[in-house]
Amino acid sequence: MALSAYVRPLADRVAVPVAKGLVRIGATPNWLTVFGLAFVLVGVGIVLAGQEQLGALVMALATVVDGLDGAVARLRGTACAFGSFLDSVADRVADAAIFGAAAWLLRDDPLLFIVTMVALAAALITSYIRAKAESLGWQATVGLVERPERMAVLILGIGFGFVPLAVWLLAVGGLVTVGQRLRCVTQQALH
């Protein structure tokens, strides 16, 4: 079970009232997805310009906005396959951009750069396993580190200066998660 499963009920109690407010002002889920991605990219640009704390703050706010798209879609009754697709693609682009910012910060240390690439690969593979499993009728939502944990650890690491520790945690946790998801899918496929 992912760590976010414990936080999700609390997050939902906060997200639903905020989402209701966004619905009242006319926000759409796809708009929130695109807006969130755009501001993640702005935050990454700020980090690359040498302002890690400000960039991390912008990225954190952007990921919160992006996280509201599903609640807004449900409240508006407009949840659809295209919205889910757009959200998933935007999430992968945002993940790659934020990991890219971390890699940039660690570019002078070959080992840490490699660890960052392992963490990125594990993140992308984790998402791919779930998508492919679901397309085949299986479930693959298990795992130690899902996207909310990845983004929290990485953005906090960038903002507070512990990027090396963050990428090590995400590389190890990501590989464990890949293993957990592969095991879960294998068990379903063999039964």
N, C-alpha and C. Protein backbone atom coordinates (compact mmCIF):
# COMPACT_ATOMS: atom_id res chain seq x y z
N MET A 1 0.85 -1.19 0.00
CA MET A 1 0.00 0.00 0.00
C MET A 1 0.88 1.24 0.00
N ALA A 2 0.55 2.20 -0.83
CA ALA A 2 1.32 3.44 -0.91
C ALA A 2 1.06 4.29 0.32
N LEU A 3 2.04 5.10 0.64
CA LEU A 3 1.90 5.98 1.79
C LEU A 3 0.76 6.97 1.60
N SER A 4 0.50 7.39 0.36
CA SER A 4 -0.56 8.37 0.11
C SER A 4 -1.94 7.83 0.46
N ALA A 5 -2.10 6.52 0.55
CA ALA A 5 -3.39 5.94 0.90
C ALA A 5 -3.83 6.38 2.30
N TYR A 6 -2.86 6.65 3.16
CA TYR A 6 -3.17 7.10 4.52
C TYR A 6 -3.54 8.58 4.55
N VAL A 7 -3.01 9.34 3.62
CA VAL A 7 -3.23 10.78 3.59
C VAL A 7 -4.44 11.14 2.74
N ARG A 8 -4.80 10.27 1.79
CA ARG A 8 -5.86 10.57 0.83
C ARG A 8 -7.18 10.99 1.47
N PRO A 9 -7.68 10.32 2.53
CA PRO A 9 -8.95 10.76 3.12
C PRO A 9 -8.89 12.21 3.63
N LEU A 10 -7.78 12.59 4.23
CA LEU A 10 -7.62 13.97 4.70
C LEU A 10 -7.55 14.92 3.52
N ALA A 11 -6.80 14.55 2.50
CA ALA A 11 -6.66 15.39 1.31
C ALA A 11 -8.01 15.58 0.64
N ASP A 12 -8.83 14.53 0.59
CA ASP A 12 -10.15 14.64 -0.03
C ASP A 12 -11.05 15.61 0.74
N ARG A 13 -10.92 15.63 2.08
CA ARG A 13 -11.74 16.56 2.87
C ARG A 13 -11.38 18.01 2.57
N VAL A 14 -10.13 18.26 2.20
CA VAL A 14 -9.70 19.61 1.83
C VAL A 14 -10.00 19.87 0.36
N ALA A 15 -9.76 18.88 -0.50
CA ALA A 15 -9.88 19.07 -1.95
C ALA A 15 -11.32 19.31 -2.40
N VAL A 16 -12.27 18.62 -1.83
CA VAL A 16 -13.65 18.73 -2.29
C VAL A 16 -14.19 20.15 -2.12
N PRO A 17 -14.03 20.80 -0.96
CA PRO A 17 -14.53 22.18 -0.86
C PRO A 17 -13.80 23.14 -1.82
N VAL A 18 -12.50 22.94 -2.00
CA VAL A 18 -11.76 23.78 -2.95
C VAL A 18 -12.26 23.53 -4.36
N ALA A 19 -12.47 22.26 -4.70
CA ALA A 19 -12.98 21.92 -6.03
C ALA A 19 -14.36 22.52 -6.26
N LYS A 20 -15.20 22.53 -5.23
CA LYS A 20 -16.53 23.14 -5.36
C LYS A 20 -16.39 24.62 -5.69
N GLY A 21 -15.45 25.29 -5.03
CA GLY A 21 -15.21 26.70 -5.33
C GLY A 21 -14.73 26.90 -6.75
N LEU A 22 -13.86 26.01 -7.22
CA LEU A 22 -13.37 26.11 -8.60
C LEU A 22 -14.49 25.88 -9.61
N VAL A 23 -15.40 24.95 -9.31
CA VAL A 23 -16.55 24.71 -10.18
C VAL A 23 -17.42 25.96 -10.24
N ARG A 24 -17.63 26.61 -9.09
CA ARG A 24 -18.45 27.82 -9.05
C ARG A 24 -17.88 28.93 -9.93
N ILE A 25 -16.54 29.01 -10.03
CA ILE A 25 -15.96 30.09 -10.85
C ILE A 25 -15.75 29.66 -12.30
N GLY A 26 -16.17 28.42 -12.62
CA GLY A 26 -16.14 27.98 -14.01
C GLY A 26 -14.91 27.21 -14.44
N ALA A 27 -14.06 26.82 -13.51
CA ALA A 27 -12.85 26.06 -13.87
C ALA A 27 -13.25 24.69 -14.42
N THR A 28 -12.52 24.25 -15.42
CA THR A 28 -12.75 22.92 -15.98
C THR A 28 -11.57 22.03 -15.62
N PRO A 29 -11.77 20.72 -15.59
CA PRO A 29 -10.68 19.82 -15.23
C PRO A 29 -9.51 19.91 -16.21
N ASN A 30 -9.80 19.99 -17.51
CA ASN A 30 -8.71 20.07 -18.48
C ASN A 30 -7.93 21.37 -18.34
N TRP A 31 -8.63 22.45 -18.01
CA TRP A 31 -7.96 23.72 -17.78
C TRP A 31 -7.02 23.59 -16.58
N LEU A 32 -7.47 22.95 -15.52
CA LEU A 32 -6.62 22.77 -14.34
C LEU A 32 -5.39 21.92 -14.68
N THR A 33 -5.58 20.88 -15.49
CA THR A 33 -4.47 20.03 -15.90
C THR A 33 -3.43 20.83 -16.67
N VAL A 34 -3.88 21.58 -17.65
CA VAL A 34 -2.95 22.36 -18.48
C VAL A 34 -2.30 23.47 -17.66
N PHE A 35 -3.09 24.16 -16.84
CA PHE A 35 -2.56 25.21 -15.99
C PHE A 35 -1.51 24.65 -15.04
N GLY A 36 -1.82 23.51 -14.43
CA GLY A 36 -0.87 22.88 -13.50
C GLY A 36 0.44 22.53 -14.19
N LEU A 37 0.36 21.94 -15.37
CA LEU A 37 1.58 21.59 -16.11
C LEU A 37 2.37 22.84 -16.48
N ALA A 38 1.68 23.86 -16.97
CA ALA A 38 2.38 25.09 -17.36
C ALA A 38 3.15 25.68 -16.19
N PHE A 39 2.54 25.69 -15.02
CA PHE A 39 3.22 26.28 -13.88
C PHE A 39 4.29 25.37 -13.29
N VAL A 40 4.16 24.06 -13.46
CA VAL A 40 5.29 23.18 -13.11
C VAL A 40 6.49 23.57 -13.96
N LEU A 41 6.26 23.77 -15.26
CA LEU A 41 7.36 24.13 -16.16
C LEU A 41 7.95 25.50 -15.80
N VAL A 42 7.10 26.44 -15.39
CA VAL A 42 7.59 27.73 -14.92
C VAL A 42 8.46 27.53 -13.67
N GLY A 43 7.99 26.70 -12.74
CA GLY A 43 8.75 26.41 -11.53
C GLY A 43 10.09 25.78 -11.84
N VAL A 44 10.11 24.86 -12.78
CA VAL A 44 11.37 24.23 -13.20
C VAL A 44 12.31 25.30 -13.76
N GLY A 45 11.78 26.19 -14.58
CA GLY A 45 12.60 27.27 -15.13
C GLY A 45 13.19 28.14 -14.04
N ILE A 46 12.42 28.41 -13.01
CA ILE A 46 12.91 29.21 -11.88
C ILE A 46 14.03 28.47 -11.16
N VAL A 47 13.87 27.15 -10.98
CA VAL A 47 14.94 26.34 -10.36
C VAL A 47 16.20 26.40 -11.21
N LEU A 48 16.05 26.23 -12.51
CA LEU A 48 17.22 26.25 -13.40
C LEU A 48 17.91 27.61 -13.41
N ALA A 49 17.15 28.66 -13.10
CA ALA A 49 17.73 30.01 -13.02
C ALA A 49 18.42 30.26 -11.69
N GLY A 50 18.41 29.25 -10.81
CA GLY A 50 19.14 29.36 -9.54
C GLY A 50 18.31 29.72 -8.33
N GLN A 51 17.01 29.77 -8.47
CA GLN A 51 16.12 30.11 -7.35
C GLN A 51 15.35 28.87 -6.91
N GLU A 52 16.05 27.94 -6.25
CA GLU A 52 15.46 26.64 -5.92
C GLU A 52 14.24 26.75 -5.03
N GLN A 53 14.29 27.59 -4.00
CA GLN A 53 13.16 27.66 -3.08
C GLN A 53 11.91 28.23 -3.75
N LEU A 54 12.07 29.30 -4.50
CA LEU A 54 10.92 29.88 -5.20
C LEU A 54 10.39 28.91 -6.25
N GLY A 55 11.28 28.28 -6.99
CA GLY A 55 10.86 27.31 -8.00
C GLY A 55 10.11 26.15 -7.38
N ALA A 56 10.60 25.66 -6.24
CA ALA A 56 9.92 24.56 -5.55
C ALA A 56 8.53 24.99 -5.09
N LEU A 57 8.40 26.21 -4.60
CA LEU A 57 7.10 26.71 -4.17
C LEU A 57 6.13 26.76 -5.34
N VAL A 58 6.58 27.26 -6.50
CA VAL A 58 5.73 27.32 -7.68
C VAL A 58 5.34 25.90 -8.11
N MET A 59 6.31 24.96 -8.13
CA MET A 59 6.00 23.58 -8.52
C MET A 59 5.01 22.95 -7.55
N ALA A 60 5.18 23.21 -6.26
CA ALA A 60 4.27 22.63 -5.26
C ALA A 60 2.85 23.15 -5.47
N LEU A 61 2.71 24.44 -5.66
CA LEU A 61 1.37 25.00 -5.89
C LEU A 61 0.76 24.46 -7.17
N ALA A 62 1.60 24.31 -8.20
CA ALA A 62 1.12 23.78 -9.49
C ALA A 62 0.63 22.34 -9.34
N THR A 63 1.35 21.54 -8.58
CA THR A 63 0.92 20.14 -8.42
C THR A 63 -0.37 20.05 -7.60
N VAL A 64 -0.56 20.99 -6.67
CA VAL A 64 -1.81 21.02 -5.91
C VAL A 64 -2.98 21.35 -6.86
N VAL A 65 -2.79 22.37 -7.71
CA VAL A 65 -3.83 22.72 -8.68
C VAL A 65 -4.13 21.54 -9.58
N ASP A 66 -3.09 20.91 -10.11
CA ASP A 66 -3.29 19.75 -10.98
C ASP A 66 -4.01 18.62 -10.26
N GLY A 67 -3.76 18.48 -8.98
CA GLY A 67 -4.40 17.42 -8.21
C GLY A 67 -5.89 17.61 -8.01
N LEU A 68 -6.39 18.80 -8.33
CA LEU A 68 -7.81 19.07 -8.15
C LEU A 68 -8.65 18.74 -9.39
N ASP A 69 -7.99 18.41 -10.50
CA ASP A 69 -8.73 18.20 -11.74
C ASP A 69 -9.73 17.06 -11.66
N GLY A 70 -9.36 15.98 -11.00
CA GLY A 70 -10.27 14.84 -10.88
C GLY A 70 -11.50 15.18 -10.05
N ALA A 71 -11.30 15.89 -8.95
CA ALA A 71 -12.43 16.28 -8.10
C ALA A 71 -13.35 17.23 -8.86
N VAL A 72 -12.78 18.16 -9.61
CA VAL A 72 -13.60 19.09 -10.39
C VAL A 72 -14.38 18.32 -11.47
N ALA A 73 -13.74 17.36 -12.11
CA ALA A 73 -14.42 16.57 -13.15
C ALA A 73 -15.60 15.81 -12.55
N ARG A 74 -15.40 15.22 -11.38
CA ARG A 74 -16.49 14.47 -10.75
C ARG A 74 -17.64 15.40 -10.36
N LEU A 75 -17.30 16.56 -9.79
CA LEU A 75 -18.34 17.50 -9.37
C LEU A 75 -19.11 18.08 -10.55
N ARG A 76 -18.43 18.31 -11.65
CA ARG A 76 -19.09 18.86 -12.84
C ARG A 76 -19.80 17.78 -13.64
N GLY A 77 -19.50 16.51 -13.33
CA GLY A 77 -20.08 15.41 -14.10
C GLY A 77 -19.47 15.30 -15.48
N THR A 78 -18.23 15.74 -15.62
CA THR A 78 -17.58 15.74 -16.94
C THR A 78 -16.38 14.81 -17.00
N ALA A 79 -16.26 13.90 -16.04
CA ALA A 79 -15.15 12.94 -16.09
C ALA A 79 -15.25 12.14 -17.38
N CYS A 80 -14.14 12.04 -18.12
CA CYS A 80 -14.18 11.33 -19.39
C CYS A 80 -12.81 10.72 -19.67
N ALA A 81 -12.79 9.84 -20.66
CA ALA A 81 -11.54 9.15 -21.01
C ALA A 81 -10.48 10.14 -21.49
N PHE A 82 -10.87 11.14 -22.29
CA PHE A 82 -9.88 12.09 -22.78
C PHE A 82 -9.26 12.89 -21.64
N GLY A 83 -10.08 13.30 -20.69
CA GLY A 83 -9.55 14.04 -19.54
C GLY A 83 -8.55 13.21 -18.75
N SER A 84 -8.86 11.94 -18.57
CA SER A 84 -7.95 11.03 -17.88
C SER A 84 -6.65 10.87 -18.66
N PHE A 85 -6.77 10.74 -19.97
CA PHE A 85 -5.59 10.63 -20.84
C PHE A 85 -4.74 11.89 -20.75
N LEU A 86 -5.37 13.06 -20.89
CA LEU A 86 -4.64 14.33 -20.82
C LEU A 86 -3.93 14.48 -19.49
N ASP A 87 -4.61 14.12 -18.41
CA ASP A 87 -4.02 14.22 -17.08
C ASP A 87 -2.81 13.31 -16.94
N SER A 88 -2.92 12.08 -17.43
CA SER A 88 -1.80 11.14 -17.34
C SER A 88 -0.59 11.63 -18.14
N VAL A 89 -0.83 12.12 -19.34
CA VAL A 89 0.28 12.63 -20.16
C VAL A 89 0.91 13.84 -19.50
N ALA A 90 0.08 14.77 -19.02
CA ALA A 90 0.61 15.96 -18.35
C ALA A 90 1.41 15.58 -17.10
N ASP A 91 0.94 14.59 -16.36
CA ASP A 91 1.68 14.13 -15.18
C ASP A 91 3.05 13.58 -15.54
N ARG A 92 3.14 12.82 -16.63
CA ARG A 92 4.44 12.27 -17.04
C ARG A 92 5.39 13.39 -17.49
N VAL A 93 4.86 14.38 -18.20
CA VAL A 93 5.70 15.52 -18.62
C VAL A 93 6.19 16.28 -17.39
N ALA A 94 5.29 16.52 -16.43
CA ALA A 94 5.67 17.22 -15.21
C ALA A 94 6.71 16.42 -14.42
N ASP A 95 6.51 15.11 -14.32
CA ASP A 95 7.48 14.26 -13.62
C ASP A 95 8.86 14.39 -14.26
N ALA A 96 8.91 14.27 -15.58
CA ALA A 96 10.20 14.34 -16.28
C ALA A 96 10.84 15.71 -16.08
N ALA A 97 10.04 16.77 -16.11
CA ALA A 97 10.59 18.11 -15.94
C ALA A 97 11.16 18.31 -14.54
N ILE A 98 10.43 17.86 -13.53
CA ILE A 98 10.90 18.03 -12.15
C ILE A 98 12.14 17.18 -11.89
N PHE A 99 12.14 15.95 -12.37
CA PHE A 99 13.35 15.12 -12.26
C PHE A 99 14.50 15.76 -13.04
N GLY A 100 14.19 16.37 -14.18
CA GLY A 100 15.22 17.07 -14.94
C GLY A 100 15.84 18.20 -14.15
N ALA A 101 15.01 18.93 -13.41
CA ALA A 101 15.54 20.00 -12.56
C ALA A 101 16.47 19.42 -11.49
N ALA A 102 16.06 18.30 -10.90
CA ALA A 102 16.92 17.65 -9.90
C ALA A 102 18.23 17.20 -10.54
N ALA A 103 18.15 16.62 -11.72
CA ALA A 103 19.36 16.17 -12.42
C ALA A 103 20.28 17.36 -12.70
N TRP A 104 19.69 18.49 -13.08
CA TRP A 104 20.48 19.70 -13.33
C TRP A 104 21.22 20.13 -12.06
N LEU A 105 20.52 20.09 -10.94
CA LEU A 105 21.15 20.49 -9.68
C LEU A 105 22.28 19.54 -9.28
N LEU A 106 22.20 18.29 -9.72
CA LEU A 106 23.20 17.27 -9.34
C LEU A 106 24.16 16.95 -10.48
N ARG A 107 24.18 17.76 -11.51
CA ARG A 107 24.93 17.47 -12.74
C ARG A 107 26.43 17.32 -12.53
N ASP A 108 26.97 17.90 -11.48
CA ASP A 108 28.42 17.83 -11.26
C ASP A 108 28.85 16.58 -10.49
N ASP A 109 27.90 15.78 -10.05
CA ASP A 109 28.20 14.55 -9.32
C ASP A 109 27.70 13.36 -10.14
N PRO A 110 28.61 12.66 -10.82
CA PRO A 110 28.16 11.57 -11.72
C PRO A 110 27.30 10.51 -11.04
N LEU A 111 27.65 10.12 -9.81
CA LEU A 111 26.86 9.10 -9.12
C LEU A 111 25.45 9.60 -8.84
N LEU A 112 25.32 10.80 -8.31
CA LEU A 112 23.99 11.33 -8.01
C LEU A 112 23.18 11.57 -9.28
N PHE A 113 23.84 11.94 -10.36
CA PHE A 113 23.14 12.10 -11.63
C PHE A 113 22.56 10.76 -12.07
N ILE A 114 23.34 9.69 -11.96
CA ILE A 114 22.87 8.35 -12.31
C ILE A 114 21.72 7.92 -11.40
N VAL A 115 21.84 8.19 -10.11
CA VAL A 115 20.77 7.85 -9.16
C VAL A 115 19.49 8.59 -9.55
N THR A 116 19.62 9.84 -9.97
CA THR A 116 18.45 10.61 -10.41
C THR A 116 17.81 9.97 -11.62
N MET A 117 18.62 9.51 -12.56
CA MET A 117 18.07 8.86 -13.76
C MET A 117 17.38 7.54 -13.41
N VAL A 118 17.93 6.80 -12.43
CA VAL A 118 17.28 5.57 -11.97
C VAL A 118 15.93 5.91 -11.33
N ALA A 119 15.90 6.96 -10.51
CA ALA A 119 14.65 7.37 -9.87
C ALA A 119 13.61 7.78 -10.91
N LEU A 120 14.04 8.52 -11.93
CA LEU A 120 13.13 8.92 -13.00
C LEU A 120 12.61 7.69 -13.75
N ALA A 121 13.51 6.80 -14.11
CA ALA A 121 13.10 5.59 -14.83
C ALA A 121 12.11 4.78 -14.00
N ALA A 122 12.37 4.62 -12.72
CA ALA A 122 11.46 3.87 -11.85
C ALA A 122 10.09 4.55 -11.79
N ALA A 123 10.08 5.88 -11.74
CA ALA A 123 8.81 6.61 -11.71
C ALA A 123 8.02 6.37 -12.99
N LEU A 124 8.68 6.47 -14.12
CA LEU A 124 7.98 6.27 -15.39
C LEU A 124 7.52 4.83 -15.56
N ILE A 125 8.35 3.89 -15.15
CA ILE A 125 7.99 2.47 -15.27
C ILE A 125 6.84 2.13 -14.32
N THR A 126 6.84 2.72 -13.13
CA THR A 126 5.74 2.51 -12.19
C THR A 126 4.42 2.91 -12.83
N SER A 127 4.40 4.08 -13.46
CA SER A 127 3.18 4.55 -14.12
C SER A 127 2.82 3.68 -15.31
N TYR A 128 3.82 3.26 -16.06
CA TYR A 128 3.56 2.43 -17.24
C TYR A 128 2.98 1.08 -16.84
N ILE A 129 3.52 0.47 -15.79
CA ILE A 129 3.00 -0.83 -15.35
C ILE A 129 1.51 -0.72 -15.03
N ARG A 130 1.14 0.33 -14.31
CA ARG A 130 -0.28 0.50 -13.97
C ARG A 130 -1.12 0.67 -15.23
N ALA A 131 -0.68 1.54 -16.14
CA ALA A 131 -1.46 1.80 -17.36
C ALA A 131 -1.60 0.54 -18.21
N LYS A 132 -0.52 -0.19 -18.38
CA LYS A 132 -0.57 -1.40 -19.20
C LYS A 132 -1.41 -2.48 -18.52
N ALA A 133 -1.24 -2.64 -17.22
CA ALA A 133 -2.04 -3.64 -16.50
C ALA A 133 -3.52 -3.33 -16.62
N GLU A 134 -3.89 -2.06 -16.43
CA GLU A 134 -5.30 -1.69 -16.51
C GLU A 134 -5.85 -1.90 -17.92
N SER A 135 -5.01 -1.68 -18.94
CA SER A 135 -5.48 -1.90 -20.31
C SER A 135 -5.74 -3.38 -20.58
N LEU A 136 -5.15 -4.25 -19.77
CA LEU A 136 -5.34 -5.69 -19.92
C LEU A 136 -6.36 -6.26 -18.91
N GLY A 137 -6.96 -5.37 -18.14
CA GLY A 137 -7.99 -5.79 -17.20
C GLY A 137 -7.48 -6.17 -15.81
N TRP A 138 -6.24 -5.86 -15.51
CA TRP A 138 -5.67 -6.13 -14.18
C TRP A 138 -5.53 -4.83 -13.40
N GLN A 139 -5.24 -4.98 -12.13
CA GLN A 139 -4.99 -3.83 -11.26
C GLN A 139 -3.52 -3.79 -10.89
N ALA A 140 -2.98 -2.58 -10.73
CA ALA A 140 -1.59 -2.44 -10.31
C ALA A 140 -1.42 -1.13 -9.55
N THR A 141 -2.19 -0.97 -8.51
CA THR A 141 -2.13 0.26 -7.73
C THR A 141 -1.34 0.09 -6.44
N VAL A 142 -0.68 -1.03 -6.28
CA VAL A 142 0.11 -1.28 -5.08
C VAL A 142 1.45 -0.57 -5.21
N GLY A 143 2.15 -0.48 -4.10
CA GLY A 143 3.50 0.04 -4.15
C GLY A 143 3.79 1.06 -3.08
N LEU A 144 5.03 1.11 -2.70
CA LEU A 144 5.50 1.99 -1.64
C LEU A 144 5.46 3.45 -2.05
N VAL A 145 5.87 3.76 -3.28
CA VAL A 145 6.03 5.16 -3.71
C VAL A 145 5.20 5.41 -4.97
N GLU A 146 4.10 6.14 -4.80
CA GLU A 146 3.30 6.55 -5.95
C GLU A 146 3.59 8.02 -6.25
N ARG A 147 2.91 8.57 -7.22
CA ARG A 147 3.21 9.93 -7.67
C ARG A 147 3.13 10.98 -6.55
N PRO A 148 2.12 10.99 -5.70
CA PRO A 148 2.09 12.03 -4.66
C PRO A 148 3.34 12.01 -3.77
N GLU A 149 3.79 10.81 -3.40
CA GLU A 149 5.00 10.72 -2.58
C GLU A 149 6.23 11.20 -3.35
N ARG A 150 6.32 10.78 -4.62
CA ARG A 150 7.47 11.19 -5.45
C ARG A 150 7.56 12.70 -5.53
N MET A 151 6.43 13.32 -5.87
CA MET A 151 6.45 14.77 -6.05
C MET A 151 6.74 15.48 -4.74
N ALA A 152 6.15 15.02 -3.65
CA ALA A 152 6.41 15.67 -2.36
C ALA A 152 7.88 15.58 -1.98
N VAL A 153 8.44 14.38 -2.07
CA VAL A 153 9.86 14.20 -1.70
C VAL A 153 10.77 15.02 -2.59
N LEU A 154 10.53 14.99 -3.89
CA LEU A 154 11.42 15.67 -4.83
C LEU A 154 11.30 17.19 -4.72
N ILE A 155 10.09 17.70 -4.66
CA ILE A 155 9.91 19.15 -4.57
C ILE A 155 10.43 19.67 -3.23
N LEU A 156 10.16 18.96 -2.15
CA LEU A 156 10.72 19.37 -0.85
C LEU A 156 12.25 19.30 -0.87
N GLY A 157 12.79 18.26 -1.50
CA GLY A 157 14.24 18.15 -1.62
C GLY A 157 14.85 19.32 -2.36
N ILE A 158 14.21 19.73 -3.44
CA ILE A 158 14.70 20.88 -4.21
C ILE A 158 14.58 22.16 -3.38
N GLY A 159 13.44 22.34 -2.74
CA GLY A 159 13.19 23.57 -1.99
C GLY A 159 14.03 23.72 -0.73
N PHE A 160 14.32 22.61 -0.09
CA PHE A 160 15.04 22.69 1.19
C PHE A 160 16.47 22.17 1.12
N GLY A 161 16.95 21.89 -0.09
CA GLY A 161 18.37 21.59 -0.27
C GLY A 161 18.80 20.17 0.07
N PHE A 162 17.87 19.21 0.05
CA PHE A 162 18.29 17.83 0.28
C PHE A 162 18.00 16.96 -0.94
N VAL A 163 18.34 17.48 -2.12
CA VAL A 163 18.11 16.75 -3.36
C VAL A 163 18.84 15.41 -3.38
N PRO A 164 20.11 15.32 -2.93
CA PRO A 164 20.77 14.01 -2.94
C PRO A 164 20.00 12.94 -2.15
N LEU A 165 19.56 13.29 -0.96
CA LEU A 165 18.78 12.33 -0.17
C LEU A 165 17.47 11.99 -0.87
N ALA A 166 16.81 13.01 -1.44
CA ALA A 166 15.53 12.79 -2.12
C ALA A 166 15.68 11.81 -3.27
N VAL A 167 16.70 11.99 -4.10
CA VAL A 167 16.82 11.08 -5.26
C VAL A 167 17.21 9.67 -4.83
N TRP A 168 18.01 9.53 -3.78
CA TRP A 168 18.31 8.19 -3.27
C TRP A 168 17.04 7.52 -2.77
N LEU A 169 16.23 8.24 -1.99
CA LEU A 169 14.98 7.68 -1.49
C LEU A 169 14.06 7.27 -2.64
N LEU A 170 13.99 8.12 -3.67
CA LEU A 170 13.10 7.84 -4.79
C LEU A 170 13.64 6.73 -5.69
N ALA A 171 14.94 6.62 -5.82
CA ALA A 171 15.51 5.53 -6.62
C ALA A 171 15.23 4.18 -5.94
N VAL A 172 15.54 4.09 -4.66
CA VAL A 172 15.33 2.83 -3.94
C VAL A 172 13.83 2.53 -3.83
N GLY A 173 13.06 3.53 -3.37
CA GLY A 173 11.61 3.34 -3.23
C GLY A 173 10.94 3.05 -4.56
N GLY A 174 11.42 3.69 -5.62
CA GLY A 174 10.86 3.46 -6.95
C GLY A 174 11.11 2.05 -7.44
N LEU A 175 12.33 1.55 -7.23
CA LEU A 175 12.64 0.18 -7.65
C LEU A 175 11.82 -0.83 -6.86
N VAL A 176 11.64 -0.56 -5.57
CA VAL A 176 10.79 -1.43 -4.75
C VAL A 176 9.36 -1.42 -5.29
N THR A 177 8.87 -0.25 -5.64
CA THR A 177 7.50 -0.13 -6.16
C THR A 177 7.35 -0.86 -7.48
N VAL A 178 8.33 -0.73 -8.37
CA VAL A 178 8.29 -1.48 -9.64
C VAL A 178 8.19 -2.97 -9.35
N GLY A 179 9.01 -3.46 -8.43
CA GLY A 179 8.96 -4.87 -8.07
C GLY A 179 7.61 -5.27 -7.51
N GLN A 180 7.05 -4.43 -6.64
CA GLN A 180 5.74 -4.73 -6.06
C GLN A 180 4.66 -4.80 -7.13
N ARG A 181 4.69 -3.87 -8.06
CA ARG A 181 3.67 -3.86 -9.12
C ARG A 181 3.84 -5.03 -10.07
N LEU A 182 5.07 -5.35 -10.42
CA LEU A 182 5.30 -6.51 -11.29
C LEU A 182 4.81 -7.79 -10.61
N ARG A 183 5.08 -7.92 -9.34
CA ARG A 183 4.62 -9.10 -8.60
C ARG A 183 3.10 -9.16 -8.57
N CYS A 184 2.46 -8.03 -8.34
CA CYS A 184 1.00 -7.97 -8.29
C CYS A 184 0.39 -8.38 -9.62
N VAL A 185 0.93 -7.86 -10.72
CA VAL A 185 0.41 -8.19 -12.03
C VAL A 185 0.66 -9.65 -12.37
N THR A 186 1.86 -10.15 -12.03
CA THR A 186 2.19 -11.54 -12.30
C THR A 186 1.24 -12.47 -11.59
N GLN A 187 0.92 -12.16 -10.33
CA GLN A 187 -0.01 -12.99 -9.58
C GLN A 187 -1.39 -13.01 -10.23
N GLN A 188 -1.84 -11.86 -10.71
CA GLN A 188 -3.15 -11.81 -11.37
C GLN A 188 -3.12 -12.57 -12.70
N ALA A 189 -2.02 -12.47 -13.42
CA ALA A 189 -1.92 -13.12 -14.73
C ALA A 189 -1.87 -14.63 -14.60
N LEU A 190 -1.29 -15.14 -13.51
CA LEU A 190 -1.12 -16.57 -13.34
C LEU A 190 -2.30 -17.24 -12.64
N HIS A 191 -3.27 -16.46 -12.22
CA HIS A 191 -4.43 -17.06 -11.53
C HIS A 191 -5.65 -16.99 -12.36
